[in-house]
Amino acid sequence: MINVIRKKICVIATGGTIASVRGTNGLRPGLAGEDLLRLTPGIAALADVDCVELMALDSSNLLPEHWQRMAEAVAERRGSYDGFVITHGTDTMAYSAGALYLMLENIDCPVVFTGAQLPIEAEGTDAVQNVLAAFHGVLSERPGVYLAFAGNLHMAGVVRKMYSQQFTGFGSVERPVAAVFKGGHYEWQWQVPEPQWDFCLHKEMDDRIGVLKLVPGTDPSLLKLMVDAGYHAIIIEGYGAGGVPNHASPKDFLPALSYASEKDVRIVCTTQCVYDGAHLDTYETGILAMQEGALSGGRLHLELLVPAVMLALGRSRERSAVEAYLKKVEQDIFR
């Protein structure tokens, strides 16, 4: 008789719609991770499962300190399990997945986020299929941080929430989905890079960053107000290739950028476009911004750029160090 060694999977529950129940003021997290497992048929046949009740929050209420708790929970237990499923609210799941992609550098096992657009107890819910897909993502034994949703397995560094209600939920930006769940297993679309070095947990973060989204007519005094409010870095969502209005506009941002530089506040310019990233070296609006100290967010979308800037500042606030880290992240994602 052949003894089959069963996989051991750790489920880390954090709340979200998937675990929500109807309250006085609408849906709120009310089910534990153990409840989610009980309501998902077939889990017991897939693996031996333990559950960690880390938190029970609507993901709109999550903070960077919660990313740290998730990363630490994985790092502390990774020697005891073959992989992890993290149940999470959809609203900020792409931010959390992006953060753990960076914080769990060279993780040597699968870490798969999942959630749902409807609570697991709701009629017609997508929760059960997403949880099962997340488990199969772990059982694939592909190291890395992923997000399982609607039959797709997305790499954490390129995933964004695209729909607020449709079951599709998420999409991969600049890369195809990592794998598609068909016939009870994943068909991989591209080879996910294997870890290149030993695992390292990065948890030092500086969360004193803000995001300023430009619209025609945005007053540059808003940027100065954010600098004076004590932010250590500000991400500007600019237009097109990521530039900002200059001296040709009554709303010239260049003096405000200079003010931020004088105050040792890092400015990172990104784009509001979904694809192709920021290219500050193309137009005058970007080149003049760089001359005033602005850095480019490159092809990193906001859900990854935010935790990347926080982690960069956690290491050093020097402009060159922040720039080097952002470029490294971009190279790792798109290698």
C-alpha atoms as a PDB file:
ATOM      1  CA  MET A   1       0.000   0.000   0.000  1.00  0.00           C
ATOM      2  CA  ILE A   2       1.369   3.398  -0.995  1.00  0.00           C
ATOM      3  CA  ASN A   3       1.239   6.085   1.675  1.00  0.00           C
ATOM      4  CA  VAL A   4       0.235   9.403   0.162  1.00  0.00           C
ATOM      5  CA  ILE A   5       1.643  12.370   2.046  1.00  0.00           C
ATOM      6  CA  ARG A   6      -1.130  14.925   2.323  1.00  0.00           C
ATOM      7  CA  LYS A   7      -0.362  18.581   1.894  1.00  0.00           C
ATOM      8  CA  LYS A   8      -0.701  20.897   4.867  1.00  0.00           C
ATOM      9  CA  ILE A   9      -2.299  24.264   4.145  1.00  0.00           C
ATOM     10  CA  CYS A  10      -2.726  27.193   6.516  1.00  0.00           C
ATOM     11  CA  VAL A  11      -5.727  29.457   5.997  1.00  0.00           C
ATOM     12  CA  ILE A  12      -5.265  33.004   7.287  1.00  0.00           C
ATOM     13  CA  ALA A  13      -8.631  34.720   7.715  1.00  0.00           C
ATOM     14  CA  THR A  14      -8.851  38.519   7.634  1.00  0.00           C
ATOM     15  CA  GLY A  15     -12.564  39.217   7.064  1.00  0.00           C
ATOM     16  CA  GLY A  16     -14.024  40.819   3.945  1.00  0.00           C
ATOM     17  CA  THR A  17     -17.214  40.295   1.956  1.00  0.00           C
ATOM     18  CA  ILE A  18     -16.604  36.554   1.752  1.00  0.00           C
ATOM     19  CA  ALA A  19     -17.049  36.344   5.542  1.00  0.00           C
ATOM     20  CA  SER A  20     -19.805  38.964   5.836  1.00  0.00           C
ATOM     21  CA  VAL A  21     -23.272  38.757   7.342  1.00  0.00           C
ATOM     22  CA  ARG A  22     -26.137  41.232   7.231  1.00  0.00           C
ATOM     23  CA  GLY A  23     -25.950  43.773  10.053  1.00  0.00           C
ATOM     24  CA  THR A  24     -27.942  46.836  11.039  1.00  0.00           C
ATOM     25  CA  ASN A  25     -25.973  49.042   8.640  1.00  0.00           C
ATOM     26  CA  GLY A  26     -25.361  46.584   5.840  1.00  0.00           C
ATOM     27  CA  LEU A  27     -22.849  43.804   5.290  1.00  0.00           C
ATOM     28  CA  ARG A  28     -20.012  43.396   7.780  1.00  0.00           C
ATOM     29  CA  PRO A  29     -17.522  40.574   8.488  1.00  0.00           C
ATOM     30  CA  GLY A  30     -19.107  38.106  10.882  1.00  0.00           C
ATOM     31  CA  LEU A  31     -17.928  34.615   9.950  1.00  0.00           C
ATOM     32  CA  ALA A  32     -14.683  33.036  11.089  1.00  0.00           C
ATOM     33  CA  GLY A  33     -12.234  31.282   8.806  1.00  0.00           C
ATOM     34  CA  GLU A  34     -13.422  27.939  10.193  1.00  0.00           C
ATOM     35  CA  ASP A  35     -16.936  28.845   9.022  1.00  0.00           C
ATOM     36  CA  LEU A  36     -15.656  29.508   5.506  1.00  0.00           C
ATOM     37  CA  LEU A  37     -14.006  26.085   5.439  1.00  0.00           C
ATOM     38  CA  ARG A  38     -17.160  24.392   6.754  1.00  0.00           C
ATOM     39  CA  LEU A  39     -19.214  26.034   4.003  1.00  0.00           C
ATOM     40  CA  THR A  40     -16.804  24.989   1.218  1.00  0.00           C
ATOM     41  CA  PRO A  41     -17.502  21.368   0.197  1.00  0.00           C
ATOM     42  CA  GLY A  42     -14.521  19.202  -0.619  1.00  0.00           C
ATOM     43  CA  ILE A  43     -11.853  21.054   1.345  1.00  0.00           C
ATOM     44  CA  ALA A  44     -11.174  18.153   3.692  1.00  0.00           C
ATOM     45  CA  ALA A  45     -10.415  15.885   0.738  1.00  0.00           C
ATOM     46  CA  LEU A  46      -7.773  18.248  -0.652  1.00  0.00           C
ATOM     47  CA  ALA A  47      -5.412  18.749   2.278  1.00  0.00           C
ATOM     48  CA  ASP A  48      -4.931  18.934   6.017  1.00  0.00           C
ATOM     49  CA  VAL A  49      -5.960  22.439   6.985  1.00  0.00           C
ATOM     50  CA  ASP A  50      -5.331  24.718   9.944  1.00  0.00           C
ATOM     51  CA  CYS A  51      -6.942  28.117  10.297  1.00  0.00           C
ATOM     52  CA  VAL A  52      -5.530  31.314  11.800  1.00  0.00           C
ATOM     53  CA  GLU A  53      -8.086  33.979  12.714  1.00  0.00           C
ATOM     54  CA  LEU A  54      -5.851  36.991  12.159  1.00  0.00           C
ATOM     55  CA  MET A  55      -8.517  39.709  11.980  1.00  0.00           C
ATOM     56  CA  ALA A  56     -12.122  40.270  10.894  1.00  0.00           C
ATOM     57  CA  LEU A  57     -12.224  43.539   8.972  1.00  0.00           C
ATOM     58  CA  ASP A  58     -13.830  45.042   5.921  1.00  0.00           C
ATOM     59  CA  SER A  59     -10.746  45.505   3.745  1.00  0.00           C
ATOM     60  CA  SER A  60     -11.557  49.224   3.415  1.00  0.00           C
ATOM     61  CA  ASN A  61     -10.476  49.449   7.062  1.00  0.00           C
ATOM     62  CA  LEU A  62      -7.088  47.771   6.583  1.00  0.00           C
ATOM     63  CA  LEU A  63      -3.853  49.675   7.225  1.00  0.00           C
ATOM     64  CA  PRO A  64      -0.203  48.976   6.335  1.00  0.00           C
ATOM     65  CA  GLU A  65       0.234  47.554   9.837  1.00  0.00           C
ATOM     66  CA  HIS A  66      -2.216  44.807   8.847  1.00  0.00           C
ATOM     67  CA  TRP A  67      -0.003  43.942   5.849  1.00  0.00           C
ATOM     68  CA  GLN A  68       2.817  43.537   8.359  1.00  0.00           C
ATOM     69  CA  ARG A  69       0.705  41.179  10.462  1.00  0.00           C
ATOM     70  CA  MET A  70      -0.172  39.074   7.414  1.00  0.00           C
ATOM     71  CA  ALA A  71       3.450  38.882   6.275  1.00  0.00           C
ATOM     72  CA  GLU A  72       4.642  37.956   9.759  1.00  0.00           C
ATOM     73  CA  ALA A  73       1.930  35.276  10.062  1.00  0.00           C
ATOM     74  CA  VAL A  74       3.211  33.631   6.875  1.00  0.00           C
ATOM     75  CA  ALA A  75       6.903  34.037   7.734  1.00  0.00           C
ATOM     76  CA  GLU A  76       6.471  32.514  11.201  1.00  0.00           C
ATOM     77  CA  ARG A  77       4.662  29.429   9.875  1.00  0.00           C
ATOM     78  CA  ARG A  78       6.199  28.799   6.464  1.00  0.00           C
ATOM     79  CA  GLY A  79       8.339  25.919   7.725  1.00  0.00           C
ATOM     80  CA  SER A  80       5.239  24.038   8.912  1.00  0.00           C
ATOM     81  CA  TYR A  81       2.997  24.276   5.847  1.00  0.00           C
ATOM     82  CA  ASP A  82       3.122  23.633   2.119  1.00  0.00           C
ATOM     83  CA  GLY A  83       1.364  26.910   1.427  1.00  0.00           C
ATOM     84  CA  PHE A  84      -1.113  29.529   2.565  1.00  0.00           C
ATOM     85  CA  VAL A  85      -4.574  30.743   1.580  1.00  0.00           C
ATOM     86  CA  ILE A  86      -5.436  34.252   2.768  1.00  0.00           C
ATOM     87  CA  THR A  87      -9.148  35.104   2.730  1.00  0.00           C
ATOM     88  CA  HIS A  88      -9.580  38.834   2.284  1.00  0.00           C
ATOM     89  CA  GLY A  89     -11.983  41.584   1.267  1.00  0.00           C
ATOM     90  CA  THR A  90     -11.857  42.506  -2.412  1.00  0.00           C
ATOM     91  CA  ASP A  91     -11.674  46.298  -2.048  1.00  0.00           C
ATOM     92  CA  THR A  92      -8.008  46.453  -1.042  1.00  0.00           C
ATOM     93  CA  MET A  93      -6.925  42.872  -1.728  1.00  0.00           C
ATOM     94  CA  ALA A  94      -4.704  43.946  -4.632  1.00  0.00           C
ATOM     95  CA  TYR A  95      -2.853  46.338  -2.289  1.00  0.00           C
ATOM     96  CA  SER A  96      -2.361  43.590   0.325  1.00  0.00           C
ATOM     97  CA  ALA A  97      -1.238  41.082  -2.299  1.00  0.00           C
ATOM     98  CA  GLY A  98       1.184  43.622  -3.736  1.00  0.00           C
ATOM     99  CA  ALA A  99       2.541  44.396  -0.285  1.00  0.00           C
ATOM    100  CA  LEU A 100       3.123  40.723   0.554  1.00  0.00           C
ATOM    101  CA  TYR A 101       4.706  40.145  -2.861  1.00  0.00           C
ATOM    102  CA  LEU A 102       7.354  42.668  -1.794  1.00  0.00           C
ATOM    103  CA  MET A 103       7.543  41.806   1.901  1.00  0.00           C
ATOM    104  CA  LEU A 104       7.869  38.027   1.431  1.00  0.00           C
ATOM    105  CA  GLU A 105      10.874  38.230  -0.872  1.00  0.00           C
ATOM    106  CA  ASN A 106      11.732  34.863  -2.466  1.00  0.00           C
ATOM    107  CA  ILE A 107       8.968  33.031  -0.605  1.00  0.00           C
ATOM    108  CA  ASP A 108       9.516  29.323  -1.248  1.00  0.00           C
ATOM    109  CA  CYS A 109       5.871  28.231  -1.121  1.00  0.00           C
ATOM    110  CA  PRO A 110       2.566  29.449  -2.625  1.00  0.00           C
ATOM    111  CA  VAL A 111       0.662  32.229  -0.865  1.00  0.00           C
ATOM    112  CA  VAL A 112      -2.755  32.704  -2.473  1.00  0.00           C
ATOM    113  CA  PHE A 113      -5.196  35.498  -1.681  1.00  0.00           C
ATOM    114  CA  THR A 114      -8.890  35.082  -2.403  1.00  0.00           C
ATOM    115  CA  GLY A 115     -12.234  36.611  -1.550  1.00  0.00           C
ATOM    116  CA  ALA A 116     -15.659  37.024  -3.092  1.00  0.00           C
ATOM    117  CA  GLN A 117     -18.103  39.565  -4.476  1.00  0.00           C
ATOM    118  CA  LEU A 118     -20.911  37.953  -2.449  1.00  0.00           C
ATOM    119  CA  PRO A 119     -20.844  36.516   1.098  1.00  0.00           C
ATOM    120  CA  ILE A 120     -20.310  32.771   1.239  1.00  0.00           C
ATOM    121  CA  GLU A 121     -23.808  32.255   2.669  1.00  0.00           C
ATOM    122  CA  ALA A 122     -25.489  34.335  -0.072  1.00  0.00           C
ATOM    123  CA  GLU A 123     -27.486  32.655  -2.831  1.00  0.00           C
ATOM    124  CA  GLY A 124     -25.419  32.322  -5.996  1.00  0.00           C
ATOM    125  CA  THR A 125     -22.187  33.248  -4.222  1.00  0.00           C
ATOM    126  CA  ASP A 126     -18.841  33.091  -5.987  1.00  0.00           C
ATOM    127  CA  ALA A 127     -17.081  32.405  -2.672  1.00  0.00           C
ATOM    128  CA  VAL A 128     -16.988  28.604  -2.798  1.00  0.00           C
ATOM    129  CA  GLN A 129     -15.422  28.400  -6.249  1.00  0.00           C
ATOM    130  CA  ASN A 130     -12.851  31.058  -5.324  1.00  0.00           C
ATOM    131  CA  VAL A 131     -11.807  29.273  -2.127  1.00  0.00           C
ATOM    132  CA  LEU A 132     -11.472  25.947  -3.956  1.00  0.00           C
ATOM    133  CA  ALA A 133      -9.440  27.628  -6.707  1.00  0.00           C
ATOM    134  CA  ALA A 134      -7.167  29.199  -4.078  1.00  0.00           C
ATOM    135  CA  PHE A 135      -6.534  25.778  -2.527  1.00  0.00           C
ATOM    136  CA  HIS A 136      -5.669  24.318  -5.906  1.00  0.00           C
ATOM    137  CA  GLY A 137      -3.342  27.285  -6.428  1.00  0.00           C
ATOM    138  CA  VAL A 138      -1.461  26.242  -3.307  1.00  0.00           C
ATOM    139  CA  LEU A 139      -1.499  22.583  -4.353  1.00  0.00           C
ATOM    140  CA  SER A 140       0.171  23.564  -7.642  1.00  0.00           C
ATOM    141  CA  GLU A 141       3.359  24.031  -5.596  1.00  0.00           C
ATOM    142  CA  ARG A 142       4.390  27.149  -7.534  1.00  0.00           C
ATOM    143  CA  PRO A 143       6.190  29.475  -5.081  1.00  0.00           C
ATOM    144  CA  GLY A 144       5.094  33.093  -5.013  1.00  0.00           C
ATOM    145  CA  VAL A 145       2.228  35.376  -4.020  1.00  0.00           C
ATOM    146  CA  TYR A 146      -0.950  35.129  -6.082  1.00  0.00           C
ATOM    147  CA  LEU A 147      -4.597  36.155  -6.132  1.00  0.00           C
ATOM    148  CA  ALA A 148      -7.219  33.572  -7.120  1.00  0.00           C
ATOM    149  CA  PHE A 149     -10.508  34.886  -8.449  1.00  0.00           C
ATOM    150  CA  ALA A 150     -13.135  33.827 -10.976  1.00  0.00           C
ATOM    151  CA  GLY A 151     -11.073  30.899 -12.235  1.00  0.00           C
ATOM    152  CA  ASN A 152      -7.926  32.966 -12.785  1.00  0.00           C
ATOM    153  CA  LEU A 153      -4.694  32.959 -10.829  1.00  0.00           C
ATOM    154  CA  HIS A 154      -3.051  36.387 -10.983  1.00  0.00           C
ATOM    155  CA  MET A 155       0.502  37.191  -9.942  1.00  0.00           C
ATOM    156  CA  ALA A 156       0.287  39.605  -7.036  1.00  0.00           C
ATOM    157  CA  GLY A 157       2.534  42.273  -8.522  1.00  0.00           C
ATOM    158  CA  VAL A 158       0.336  42.941 -11.553  1.00  0.00           C
ATOM    159  CA  VAL A 159      -3.240  42.456 -10.323  1.00  0.00           C
ATOM    160  CA  ARG A 160      -5.874  45.187  -9.957  1.00  0.00           C
ATOM    161  CA  LYS A 161      -9.538  45.227  -8.961  1.00  0.00           C
ATOM    162  CA  MET A 162     -11.449  45.995 -12.159  1.00  0.00           C
ATOM    163  CA  TYR A 163     -15.101  45.456 -11.186  1.00  0.00           C
ATOM    164  CA  SER A 164     -16.964  46.453  -8.050  1.00  0.00           C
ATOM    165  CA  GLN A 165     -19.695  43.819  -8.472  1.00  0.00           C
ATOM    166  CA  GLN A 166     -19.098  41.483 -11.421  1.00  0.00           C
ATOM    167  CA  PHE A 167     -17.726  38.083 -10.485  1.00  0.00           C
ATOM    168  CA  THR A 168     -14.699  38.644 -12.758  1.00  0.00           C
ATOM    169  CA  GLY A 169     -13.445  40.997 -10.084  1.00  0.00           C
ATOM    170  CA  PHE A 170      -9.782  41.350 -10.979  1.00  0.00           C
ATOM    171  CA  GLY A 171      -7.491  41.613 -13.953  1.00  0.00           C
ATOM    172  CA  SER A 172      -3.772  41.304 -14.604  1.00  0.00           C
ATOM    173  CA  VAL A 173      -2.131  44.452 -15.989  1.00  0.00           C
ATOM    174  CA  GLU A 174       0.812  44.291 -18.402  1.00  0.00           C
ATOM    175  CA  ARG A 175       1.033  40.489 -17.994  1.00  0.00           C
ATOM    176  CA  PRO A 176      -1.322  37.618 -18.839  1.00  0.00           C
ATOM    177  CA  VAL A 177      -2.978  35.793 -15.958  1.00  0.00           C
ATOM    178  CA  ALA A 178      -0.549  33.348 -14.401  1.00  0.00           C
ATOM    179  CA  ALA A 179      -2.913  30.386 -14.732  1.00  0.00           C
ATOM    180  CA  VAL A 180      -6.506  29.438 -15.555  1.00  0.00           C
ATOM    181  CA  PHE A 181      -8.463  26.937 -13.448  1.00  0.00           C
ATOM    182  CA  LYS A 182      -9.989  24.266 -15.718  1.00  0.00           C
ATOM    183  CA  GLY A 183     -11.148  20.727 -15.076  1.00  0.00           C
ATOM    184  CA  GLY A 184     -10.100  20.795 -11.439  1.00  0.00           C
ATOM    185  CA  HIS A 185      -6.529  21.938 -12.064  1.00  0.00           C
ATOM    186  CA  TYR A 186      -4.591  25.001 -13.208  1.00  0.00           C
ATOM    187  CA  GLU A 187      -3.329  25.423 -16.737  1.00  0.00           C
ATOM    188  CA  TRP A 188      -0.349  27.768 -16.505  1.00  0.00           C
ATOM    189  CA  GLN A 189      -0.165  30.579 -19.056  1.00  0.00           C
ATOM    190  CA  TRP A 190       3.454  31.500 -18.416  1.00  0.00           C
ATOM    191  CA  GLN A 191       6.329  30.294 -16.321  1.00  0.00           C
ATOM    192  CA  VAL A 192       6.463  32.114 -13.016  1.00  0.00           C
ATOM    193  CA  PRO A 193      10.099  32.855 -12.073  1.00  0.00           C
ATOM    194  CA  GLU A 194      11.488  30.632  -9.337  1.00  0.00           C
ATOM    195  CA  PRO A 195      12.924  32.265  -6.177  1.00  0.00           C
ATOM    196  CA  GLN A 196      16.533  33.246  -6.813  1.00  0.00           C
ATOM    197  CA  TRP A 197      17.854  33.633  -3.275  1.00  0.00           C
ATOM    198  CA  ASP A 198      16.974  32.745   0.284  1.00  0.00           C
ATOM    199  CA  PHE A 199      13.692  33.933   1.750  1.00  0.00           C
ATOM    200  CA  CYS A 200      13.734  37.327   3.440  1.00  0.00           C
ATOM    201  CA  LEU A 201      10.959  39.105   5.329  1.00  0.00           C
ATOM    202  CA  HIS A 202      10.825  42.868   4.831  1.00  0.00           C
ATOM    203  CA  LYS A 203       8.516  44.568   7.306  1.00  0.00           C
ATOM    204  CA  GLU A 204      10.026  48.000   7.969  1.00  0.00           C
ATOM    205  CA  MET A 205       7.607  50.435   6.341  1.00  0.00           C
ATOM    206  CA  ASP A 206       7.050  54.182   6.424  1.00  0.00           C
ATOM    207  CA  ASP A 207       3.348  54.758   5.853  1.00  0.00           C
ATOM    208  CA  ARG A 208       3.568  58.553   5.801  1.00  0.00           C
ATOM    209  CA  ILE A 209       2.768  58.707   2.115  1.00  0.00           C
ATOM    210  CA  GLY A 210      -0.151  60.215   0.240  1.00  0.00           C
ATOM    211  CA  VAL A 211      -1.645  60.050  -3.238  1.00  0.00           C
ATOM    212  CA  LEU A 212      -2.735  63.113  -5.202  1.00  0.00           C
ATOM    213  CA  LYS A 213      -4.809  62.459  -8.309  1.00  0.00           C
ATOM    214  CA  LEU A 214      -4.732  65.298 -10.817  1.00  0.00           C
ATOM    215  CA  VAL A 215      -7.769  66.533 -12.714  1.00  0.00           C
ATOM    216  CA  PRO A 216      -7.763  69.576 -14.980  1.00  0.00           C
ATOM    217  CA  GLY A 217      -7.659  72.568 -12.651  1.00  0.00           C
ATOM    218  CA  THR A 218      -6.095  70.873  -9.616  1.00  0.00           C
ATOM    219  CA  ASP A 219      -4.418  73.574  -7.541  1.00  0.00           C
ATOM    220  CA  PRO A 220      -0.722  72.945  -6.770  1.00  0.00           C
ATOM    221  CA  SER A 221      -1.298  74.358  -3.295  1.00  0.00           C
ATOM    222  CA  LEU A 222      -2.783  70.941  -2.468  1.00  0.00           C
ATOM    223  CA  LEU A 223       0.670  69.429  -2.915  1.00  0.00           C
ATOM    224  CA  LYS A 224       2.196  72.015  -0.593  1.00  0.00           C
ATOM    225  CA  LEU A 225      -0.512  71.292   1.987  1.00  0.00           C
ATOM    226  CA  MET A 226       0.368  67.595   1.864  1.00  0.00           C
ATOM    227  CA  VAL A 227       4.055  68.402   2.307  1.00  0.00           C
ATOM    228  CA  ASP A 228       3.258  70.620   5.296  1.00  0.00           C
ATOM    229  CA  ALA A 229       1.011  67.890   6.723  1.00  0.00           C
ATOM    230  CA  GLY A 230       4.115  65.776   7.261  1.00  0.00           C
ATOM    231  CA  TYR A 231       4.004  63.259   4.429  1.00  0.00           C
ATOM    232  CA  HIS A 232       7.389  61.739   3.630  1.00  0.00           C
ATOM    233  CA  ALA A 233       6.437  60.856   0.050  1.00  0.00           C
ATOM    234  CA  ILE A 234       3.604  61.807  -2.269  1.00  0.00           C
ATOM    235  CA  ILE A 235       2.543  59.848  -5.330  1.00  0.00           C
ATOM    236  CA  ILE A 236       1.084  62.082  -8.030  1.00  0.00           C
ATOM    237  CA  GLU A 237      -1.283  60.403 -10.458  1.00  0.00           C
ATOM    238  CA  GLY A 238      -0.589  62.546 -13.499  1.00  0.00           C
ATOM    239  CA  TYR A 239      -1.845  62.393 -17.038  1.00  0.00           C
ATOM    240  CA  GLY A 240      -0.698  60.195 -19.919  1.00  0.00           C
ATOM    241  CA  ALA A 241       3.002  59.520 -19.492  1.00  0.00           C
ATOM    242  CA  GLY A 242       2.866  60.812 -15.900  1.00  0.00           C
ATOM    243  CA  GLY A 243       3.753  64.478 -16.323  1.00  0.00           C
ATOM    244  CA  VAL A 244       2.318  67.410 -14.379  1.00  0.00           C
ATOM    245  CA  PRO A 245       1.281  70.937 -15.448  1.00  0.00           C
ATOM    246  CA  ASN A 246       4.214  73.327 -15.795  1.00  0.00           C
ATOM    247  CA  HIS A 247       4.805  77.066 -16.443  1.00  0.00           C
ATOM    248  CA  ALA A 248       2.566  76.948 -19.525  1.00  0.00           C
ATOM    249  CA  SER A 249      -0.411  76.477 -17.156  1.00  0.00           C
ATOM    250  CA  PRO A 250      -1.852  78.850 -14.543  1.00  0.00           C
ATOM    251  CA  LYS A 251      -1.769  75.767 -12.271  1.00  0.00           C
ATOM    252  CA  ASP A 252       2.019  75.291 -12.549  1.00  0.00           C
ATOM    253  CA  PHE A 253       3.152  72.415 -10.295  1.00  0.00           C
ATOM    254  CA  LEU A 254       6.893  72.996 -10.665  1.00  0.00           C
ATOM    255  CA  PRO A 255       7.252  75.435  -7.712  1.00  0.00           C
ATOM    256  CA  ALA A 256       5.342  72.963  -5.519  1.00  0.00           C
ATOM    257  CA  LEU A 257       7.652  70.155  -6.630  1.00  0.00           C
ATOM    258  CA  SER A 258      10.651  72.321  -5.776  1.00  0.00           C
ATOM    259  CA  TYR A 259       9.124  73.051  -2.354  1.00  0.00           C
ATOM    260  CA  ALA A 260       8.683  69.332  -1.710  1.00  0.00           C
ATOM    261  CA  SER A 261      12.299  68.685  -2.664  1.00  0.00           C
ATOM    262  CA  GLU A 262      13.502  71.406  -0.302  1.00  0.00           C
ATOM    263  CA  LYS A 263      11.517  69.742   2.496  1.00  0.00           C
ATOM    264  CA  ASP A 264      13.089  66.343   1.671  1.00  0.00           C
ATOM    265  CA  VAL A 265       9.744  64.894   0.568  1.00  0.00           C
ATOM    266  CA  ARG A 266       9.941  62.315  -2.205  1.00  0.00           C
ATOM    267  CA  ILE A 267       7.607  62.871  -5.150  1.00  0.00           C
ATOM    268  CA  VAL A 268       6.792  59.878  -7.352  1.00  0.00           C
ATOM    269  CA  CYS A 269       4.885  60.538 -10.572  1.00  0.00           C
ATOM    270  CA  THR A 270       2.721  57.822 -12.038  1.00  0.00           C
ATOM    271  CA  THR A 271      -0.019  57.683 -14.643  1.00  0.00           C
ATOM    272  CA  GLN A 272      -3.785  57.402 -14.486  1.00  0.00           C
ATOM    273  CA  CYS A 273      -3.633  55.080 -17.495  1.00  0.00           C
ATOM    274  CA  VAL A 274      -4.087  51.367 -16.878  1.00  0.00           C
ATOM    275  CA  TYR A 275      -1.387  50.251 -19.304  1.00  0.00           C
ATOM    276  CA  ASP A 276       2.167  51.202 -20.338  1.00  0.00           C
ATOM    277  CA  GLY A 277       3.191  53.080 -17.181  1.00  0.00           C
ATOM    278  CA  ALA A 278       4.808  56.473 -16.629  1.00  0.00           C
ATOM    279  CA  HIS A 279       7.584  57.788 -18.882  1.00  0.00           C
ATOM    280  CA  LEU A 280       8.805  61.101 -17.495  1.00  0.00           C
ATOM    281  CA  ASP A 281      11.667  61.308 -19.980  1.00  0.00           C
ATOM    282  CA  THR A 282       9.394  61.820 -23.007  1.00  0.00           C
ATOM    283  CA  TYR A 283       7.497  65.102 -22.663  1.00  0.00           C
ATOM    284  CA  GLU A 284       8.411  68.494 -21.250  1.00  0.00           C
ATOM    285  CA  THR A 285       5.774  67.998 -18.532  1.00  0.00           C
ATOM    286  CA  GLY A 286       7.733  65.013 -17.258  1.00  0.00           C
ATOM    287  CA  ILE A 287      11.297  66.164 -17.876  1.00  0.00           C
ATOM    288  CA  LEU A 288      10.776  69.444 -16.008  1.00  0.00           C
ATOM    289  CA  ALA A 289       9.187  67.515 -13.129  1.00  0.00           C
ATOM    290  CA  MET A 290      12.280  65.289 -12.919  1.00  0.00           C
ATOM    291  CA  GLN A 291      14.477  68.389 -12.854  1.00  0.00           C
ATOM    292  CA  GLU A 292      12.599  69.422  -9.717  1.00  0.00           C
ATOM    293  CA  GLY A 293      13.304  66.058  -8.078  1.00  0.00           C
ATOM    294  CA  ALA A 294      10.308  63.946  -9.123  1.00  0.00           C
ATOM    295  CA  LEU A 295      10.844  60.200  -9.554  1.00  0.00           C
ATOM    296  CA  SER A 296       9.031  57.975 -12.032  1.00  0.00           C
ATOM    297  CA  GLY A 297       6.748  55.176 -10.912  1.00  0.00           C
ATOM    298  CA  GLY A 298       7.517  53.411 -14.186  1.00  0.00           C
ATOM    299  CA  ARG A 299       5.219  50.497 -14.986  1.00  0.00           C
ATOM    300  CA  LEU A 300       4.228  49.891 -11.357  1.00  0.00           C
ATOM    301  CA  HIS A 301       0.488  50.387 -10.947  1.00  0.00           C
ATOM    302  CA  LEU A 302      -0.809  52.125  -7.845  1.00  0.00           C
ATOM    303  CA  GLU A 303      -1.675  48.973  -5.866  1.00  0.00           C
ATOM    304  CA  LEU A 304       1.964  47.919  -6.011  1.00  0.00           C
ATOM    305  CA  LEU A 305       3.539  51.362  -6.095  1.00  0.00           C
ATOM    306  CA  VAL A 306       2.029  52.366  -2.743  1.00  0.00           C
ATOM    307  CA  PRO A 307       3.562  49.513  -0.689  1.00  0.00           C
ATOM    308  CA  ALA A 308       6.770  49.749  -2.753  1.00  0.00           C
ATOM    309  CA  VAL A 309       7.248  53.396  -1.778  1.00  0.00           C
ATOM    310  CA  MET A 310       6.453  52.578   1.854  1.00  0.00           C
ATOM    311  CA  LEU A 311       9.051  49.813   1.908  1.00  0.00           C
ATOM    312  CA  ALA A 312      11.594  51.976   0.104  1.00  0.00           C
ATOM    313  CA  LEU A 313      11.182  54.729   2.693  1.00  0.00           C
ATOM    314  CA  GLY A 314      11.441  52.129   5.441  1.00  0.00           C
ATOM    315  CA  ARG A 315      14.975  51.495   4.207  1.00  0.00           C
ATOM    316  CA  SER A 316      16.047  55.022   3.319  1.00  0.00           C
ATOM    317  CA  ARG A 317      14.500  58.397   2.472  1.00  0.00           C
ATOM    318  CA  GLU A 318      17.397  59.269   0.166  1.00  0.00           C
ATOM    319  CA  ARG A 319      16.173  60.049  -3.328  1.00  0.00           C
ATOM    320  CA  SER A 320      18.701  57.758  -4.998  1.00  0.00           C
ATOM    321  CA  ALA A 321      17.813  54.857  -2.698  1.00  0.00           C
ATOM    322  CA  VAL A 322      14.072  55.207  -3.333  1.00  0.00           C
ATOM    323  CA  GLU A 323      14.669  55.422  -7.078  1.00  0.00           C
ATOM    324  CA  ALA A 324      16.902  52.342  -7.053  1.00  0.00           C
ATOM    325  CA  TYR A 325      14.356  50.285  -5.120  1.00  0.00           C
ATOM    326  CA  LEU A 326      11.459  51.202  -7.430  1.00  0.00           C
ATOM    327  CA  LYS A 327      13.549  50.294 -10.469  1.00  0.00           C
ATOM    328  CA  LYS A 328      14.487  46.960  -8.888  1.00  0.00           C
ATOM    329  CA  VAL A 329      10.839  46.126  -8.232  1.00  0.00           C
ATOM    330  CA  GLU A 330       9.927  46.975 -11.817  1.00  0.00           C
ATOM    331  CA  GLN A 331      12.754  44.832 -13.188  1.00  0.00           C
ATOM    332  CA  ASP A 332      11.756  41.892 -10.978  1.00  0.00           C
ATOM    333  CA  ILE A 333       8.107  42.102 -12.071  1.00  0.00           C
ATOM    334  CA  PHE A 334       8.766  42.360 -15.779  1.00  0.00           C
ATOM    335  CA  ARG A 335      11.868  40.207 -16.166  1.00  0.00           C
END
